[in-house]
Amino acid sequence: MYVATWLDLATREIVGYSMADHHRAGLVVDALKMAAGRGQLKPGFIAHSDSEYVKYRMSRAS
């Protein structure tokens, strides 16, 4: 089982997460979509991921 989380560094709260049985980019993108769906992302937010493939997928999704 793999878990991806997005952490708000200002509040130290987890604003989005996703769980799956794989470690692919979709796992991280789904967690970001959860954060966006909950209204936790403010205009001008900065997101960081350690994966180049995830950065590519996120830029294509916007």
C-alpha atoms as a PDB file:
ATOM      1  CA  MET A   1       0.000   0.000   0.000  1.00  0.00           C
ATOM      2  CA  TYR A   2       1.301   3.450  -0.953  1.00  0.00           C
ATOM      3  CA  VAL A   3       0.139   6.809   0.396  1.00  0.00           C
ATOM      4  CA  ALA A   4       0.739  10.244  -1.127  1.00  0.00           C
ATOM      5  CA  THR A   5       0.059  13.389   0.894  1.00  0.00           C
ATOM      6  CA  TRP A   6       0.132  17.132   0.319  1.00  0.00           C
ATOM      7  CA  LEU A   7       1.162  19.133   3.355  1.00  0.00           C
ATOM      8  CA  ASP A   8       0.408  22.815   3.915  1.00  0.00           C
ATOM      9  CA  LEU A   9       3.705  24.086   5.303  1.00  0.00           C
ATOM     10  CA  ALA A  10       2.080  27.158   6.869  1.00  0.00           C
ATOM     11  CA  THR A  11      -0.433  25.192   8.957  1.00  0.00           C
ATOM     12  CA  ARG A  12       1.343  21.798   8.969  1.00  0.00           C
ATOM     13  CA  GLU A  13      -1.976  20.185   7.984  1.00  0.00           C
ATOM     14  CA  ILE A  14      -2.421  17.443   5.404  1.00  0.00           C
ATOM     15  CA  VAL A  15      -4.690  19.023   2.804  1.00  0.00           C
ATOM     16  CA  GLY A  16      -4.907  16.084   0.393  1.00  0.00           C
ATOM     17  CA  TYR A  17      -4.043  12.404   0.323  1.00  0.00           C
ATOM     18  CA  SER A  18      -4.438   9.320  -1.826  1.00  0.00           C
ATOM     19  CA  MET A  19      -3.841   5.600  -1.290  1.00  0.00           C
ATOM     20  CA  ALA A  20      -3.207   2.906  -3.889  1.00  0.00           C
ATOM     21  CA  ASP A  21      -1.472  -0.401  -4.467  1.00  0.00           C
ATOM     22  CA  HIS A  22       0.945   1.233  -6.932  1.00  0.00           C
ATOM     23  CA  HIS A  23       3.579   3.956  -6.882  1.00  0.00           C
ATOM     24  CA  ARG A  24       2.767   5.822 -10.091  1.00  0.00           C
ATOM     25  CA  ALA A  25       2.259   9.522 -10.804  1.00  0.00           C
ATOM     26  CA  GLY A  26      -1.522   9.188 -10.647  1.00  0.00           C
ATOM     27  CA  LEU A  27      -1.268   8.563  -6.920  1.00  0.00           C
ATOM     28  CA  VAL A  28       0.269  11.997  -6.315  1.00  0.00           C
ATOM     29  CA  VAL A  29      -1.975  13.748  -8.823  1.00  0.00           C
ATOM     30  CA  ASP A  30      -5.068  12.260  -7.141  1.00  0.00           C
ATOM     31  CA  ALA A  31      -3.912  13.604  -3.780  1.00  0.00           C
ATOM     32  CA  LEU A  32      -3.509  17.075  -5.304  1.00  0.00           C
ATOM     33  CA  LYS A  33      -6.974  16.843  -6.864  1.00  0.00           C
ATOM     34  CA  MET A  34      -8.369  16.007  -3.420  1.00  0.00           C
ATOM     35  CA  ALA A  35      -6.747  19.120  -1.945  1.00  0.00           C
ATOM     36  CA  ALA A  36      -8.162  21.233  -4.779  1.00  0.00           C
ATOM     37  CA  GLY A  37     -11.622  19.675  -4.408  1.00  0.00           C
ATOM     38  CA  ARG A  38     -11.699  20.475  -0.712  1.00  0.00           C
ATOM     39  CA  GLY A  39     -10.923  24.125  -1.463  1.00  0.00           C
ATOM     40  CA  GLN A  40      -7.567  23.880   0.306  1.00  0.00           C
ATOM     41  CA  LEU A  41      -5.493  25.378  -2.517  1.00  0.00           C
ATOM     42  CA  LYS A  42      -5.277  29.154  -2.595  1.00  0.00           C
ATOM     43  CA  PRO A  43      -4.493  31.160  -5.762  1.00  0.00           C
ATOM     44  CA  GLY A  44      -0.754  31.250  -6.386  1.00  0.00           C
ATOM     45  CA  PHE A  45      -0.026  28.104  -4.366  1.00  0.00           C
ATOM     46  CA  ILE A  46       3.329  26.409  -4.888  1.00  0.00           C
ATOM     47  CA  ALA A  47       3.453  22.625  -5.184  1.00  0.00           C
ATOM     48  CA  HIS A  48       6.596  20.511  -4.992  1.00  0.00           C
ATOM     49  CA  SER A  49       7.047  16.872  -5.884  1.00  0.00           C
ATOM     50  CA  ASP A  50      10.220  14.799  -5.963  1.00  0.00           C
ATOM     51  CA  SER A  51       9.217  13.137  -9.232  1.00  0.00           C
ATOM     52  CA  GLU A  52       9.876  14.687 -12.659  1.00  0.00           C
ATOM     53  CA  TYR A  53       7.112  12.535 -14.170  1.00  0.00           C
ATOM     54  CA  VAL A  54       4.611  13.871 -11.633  1.00  0.00           C
ATOM     55  CA  LYS A  55       5.650  17.452 -12.433  1.00  0.00           C
ATOM     56  CA  TYR A  56       5.035  16.719 -16.111  1.00  0.00           C
ATOM     57  CA  ARG A  57       1.596  15.196 -15.421  1.00  0.00           C
ATOM     58  CA  MET A  58       0.565  18.098 -13.198  1.00  0.00           C
ATOM     59  CA  SER A  59       1.589  20.710 -15.763  1.00  0.00           C
ATOM     60  CA  ARG A  60      -0.382  18.909 -18.473  1.00  0.00           C
ATOM     61  CA  ALA A  61      -3.467  18.669 -16.216  1.00  0.00           C
ATOM     62  CA  SER A  62      -3.698  22.450 -15.795  1.00  0.00           C
END
